Amino acid sequence: MSLSTYLTFDGNCREVFEFYRSVFGGEFTSFQTFADAPPDMPVPESEKDRVMHVSLPIGSSVLMGSDSASGFGPPVVVGNNFSIAVDVESRERCDELFASLSAGGSVLMPLQETFWGAYYGLWTDKFGINWMVNYTLPTE
């Protein structure tokens, strides 16, 4: 299991992560815009160039981020624009963490298989902390 920090921005994620990359060095291991999303994902044309997901390895950690998009999560509020991302080793562990940590909180995206090949869920716990859990599905 690993924990990472996931940051959310309101349109300037690309600028922020280019700055972090200039400071820490390295290369992005993932960089996708909302234009890369499946056609049935309802993102306004004006938001297609926003960052859907970026990953920047820093030492033994990974800093991840995205821009907000209409209809996907709450509006960005600086100070509340981060999540703790947990990558786990099994679908069962995903289910356990989701059930335990979301109890009494607010589920933003129930656990489900995603177009990026993961079993994934997103919630705010009863203490106001944003969480996401991810299990990468095996490829056949």
Protein backbone atom coordinates (compact mmCIF):
# COMPACT_ATOMS: atom_id res chain seq x y z
CA MET A 1 0.00 0.00 0.00
CA SER A 2 1.20 3.53 -0.68
CA LEU A 3 -0.08 7.01 0.15
CA SER A 4 0.28 10.01 -2.17
CA THR A 5 -0.91 13.59 -2.15
CA TYR A 6 -3.44 14.59 -4.83
CA LEU A 7 -3.91 18.31 -5.51
CA THR A 8 -6.87 19.90 -7.31
CA PHE A 9 -6.79 23.25 -9.12
CA ASP A 10 -9.17 25.53 -10.99
CA GLY A 11 -7.50 25.66 -14.39
CA ASN A 12 -3.82 26.18 -13.53
CA CYS A 13 -2.72 22.60 -12.80
CA ARG A 14 -0.43 22.52 -15.85
CA GLU A 15 1.39 25.68 -14.69
CA VAL A 16 1.69 24.38 -11.11
CA PHE A 17 3.09 20.99 -12.13
CA GLU A 18 5.52 22.51 -14.67
CA PHE A 19 6.82 24.63 -11.78
CA TYR A 20 7.12 21.62 -9.44
CA ARG A 21 8.91 19.66 -12.18
CA SER A 22 11.37 22.56 -12.63
CA VAL A 23 12.09 22.48 -8.89
CA PHE A 24 12.24 18.71 -8.25
CA GLY A 25 13.31 17.51 -11.71
CA GLY A 26 12.15 14.29 -13.30
CA GLU A 27 9.43 13.59 -15.83
CA PHE A 28 5.70 13.16 -15.63
CA THR A 29 4.70 9.49 -15.60
CA SER A 30 1.17 10.46 -16.61
CA PHE A 31 -0.25 13.61 -18.18
CA GLN A 32 -3.79 13.65 -19.57
CA THR A 33 -6.23 16.41 -20.34
CA PHE A 34 -10.02 16.11 -20.36
CA ALA A 35 -9.75 15.91 -24.17
CA ASP A 36 -8.25 12.43 -23.57
CA ALA A 37 -11.40 11.25 -21.74
CA PRO A 38 -13.87 8.86 -23.34
CA PRO A 39 -16.40 10.59 -25.63
CA ASP A 40 -19.30 9.78 -23.28
CA MET A 41 -17.69 11.76 -20.43
CA PRO A 42 -19.65 15.04 -20.35
CA VAL A 43 -16.94 17.72 -20.24
CA PRO A 44 -17.68 21.12 -21.83
CA GLU A 45 -15.55 21.95 -24.87
CA SER A 46 -14.18 24.99 -23.01
CA GLU A 47 -12.66 22.67 -20.36
CA LYS A 48 -11.12 19.99 -22.61
CA ASP A 49 -7.60 21.48 -22.25
CA ARG A 50 -7.74 21.30 -18.45
CA VAL A 51 -5.57 18.64 -16.81
CA MET A 52 -7.51 15.48 -16.00
CA HIS A 53 -4.55 13.74 -14.33
CA VAL A 54 -0.83 14.30 -13.86
CA SER A 55 1.73 12.29 -11.85
CA LEU A 56 5.21 13.51 -10.91
CA PRO A 57 7.48 11.08 -9.02
CA ILE A 58 9.48 12.85 -6.32
CA GLY A 59 11.89 10.52 -4.53
CA SER A 60 9.92 7.51 -3.34
CA SER A 61 6.61 9.46 -3.46
CA VAL A 62 4.32 10.64 -6.21
CA LEU A 63 2.67 14.05 -6.37
CA MET A 64 -0.54 13.89 -8.40
CA GLY A 65 -3.03 16.48 -9.51
CA SER A 66 -5.83 17.64 -11.77
CA ASP A 67 -7.97 20.62 -12.62
CA SER A 68 -11.60 20.70 -11.64
CA ALA A 69 -14.20 20.27 -14.38
CA SER A 70 -17.89 21.07 -14.41
CA GLY A 71 -19.89 18.23 -12.93
CA PHE A 72 -16.90 16.40 -11.43
CA GLY A 73 -16.60 17.01 -7.72
CA PRO A 74 -17.08 20.12 -5.63
CA PRO A 75 -15.68 23.52 -6.65
CA VAL A 76 -12.05 24.12 -5.74
CA VAL A 77 -11.55 25.88 -2.41
CA VAL A 78 -7.91 26.65 -1.61
CA GLY A 79 -7.10 24.88 1.63
CA ASN A 80 -9.47 22.04 0.81
CA ASN A 81 -8.05 21.24 -2.63
CA PHE A 82 -6.12 18.10 -1.76
CA SER A 83 -6.86 14.43 -1.20
CA ILE A 84 -4.97 11.54 0.25
CA ALA A 85 -4.63 8.93 -2.47
CA VAL A 86 -4.22 5.29 -1.41
CA ASP A 87 -3.04 2.65 -3.88
CA VAL A 88 -3.81 -0.85 -2.64
CA GLU A 89 -2.90 -4.40 -3.61
CA SER A 90 -6.39 -5.91 -4.01
CA ARG A 91 -10.01 -5.15 -4.82
CA GLU A 92 -10.97 -6.53 -1.39
CA ARG A 93 -8.64 -4.08 0.37
CA CYS A 94 -10.17 -1.29 -1.70
CA ASP A 95 -13.64 -2.34 -0.48
CA GLU A 96 -12.44 -2.49 3.16
CA LEU A 97 -10.80 0.94 3.17
CA PHE A 98 -13.70 2.56 1.33
CA ALA A 99 -16.28 1.12 3.75
CA SER A 100 -14.29 2.03 6.85
CA LEU A 101 -13.05 5.49 5.92
CA SER A 102 -16.26 6.70 4.22
CA ALA A 103 -18.51 5.70 7.17
CA GLY A 104 -20.20 8.85 8.40
CA GLY A 105 -18.73 10.87 5.56
CA SER A 106 -19.87 11.83 2.08
CA VAL A 107 -19.27 9.57 -0.94
CA LEU A 108 -18.40 11.60 -4.04
CA MET A 109 -17.80 8.62 -6.36
CA PRO A 110 -18.74 5.09 -5.31
CA LEU A 111 -16.24 2.31 -5.98
CA GLN A 112 -16.37 1.34 -9.64
CA GLU A 113 -14.24 0.14 -12.51
CA THR A 114 -12.88 3.07 -14.50
CA PHE A 115 -11.78 3.73 -18.07
CA TRP A 116 -8.16 4.02 -16.86
CA GLY A 117 -8.14 0.38 -15.73
CA ALA A 118 -8.69 0.76 -12.01
CA TYR A 119 -11.22 0.01 -9.33
CA TYR A 120 -11.60 3.46 -7.77
CA GLY A 121 -13.65 5.50 -5.30
CA LEU A 122 -13.63 9.03 -3.90
CA TRP A 123 -15.08 10.42 -0.66
CA THR A 124 -14.79 12.97 2.15
CA ASP A 125 -14.50 11.37 5.58
CA LYS A 126 -16.45 12.43 8.67
CA PHE A 127 -13.58 14.77 9.61
CA GLY A 128 -13.65 16.65 6.28
CA ILE A 129 -10.57 14.97 4.74
CA ASN A 130 -10.79 14.02 1.05
CA TRP A 131 -9.72 10.47 0.15
CA MET A 132 -9.38 8.39 -2.99
CA VAL A 133 -8.61 4.69 -3.19
CA ASN A 134 -7.30 2.95 -6.29
CA TYR A 135 -6.62 -0.67 -7.20
CA THR A 136 -5.06 -1.15 -10.63
CA LEU A 137 -6.95 -3.96 -12.34
CA PRO A 138 -4.88 -6.80 -13.77
CA THR A 139 -4.42 -6.73 -17.53
CA GLU A 140 -5.16 -9.85 -19.48
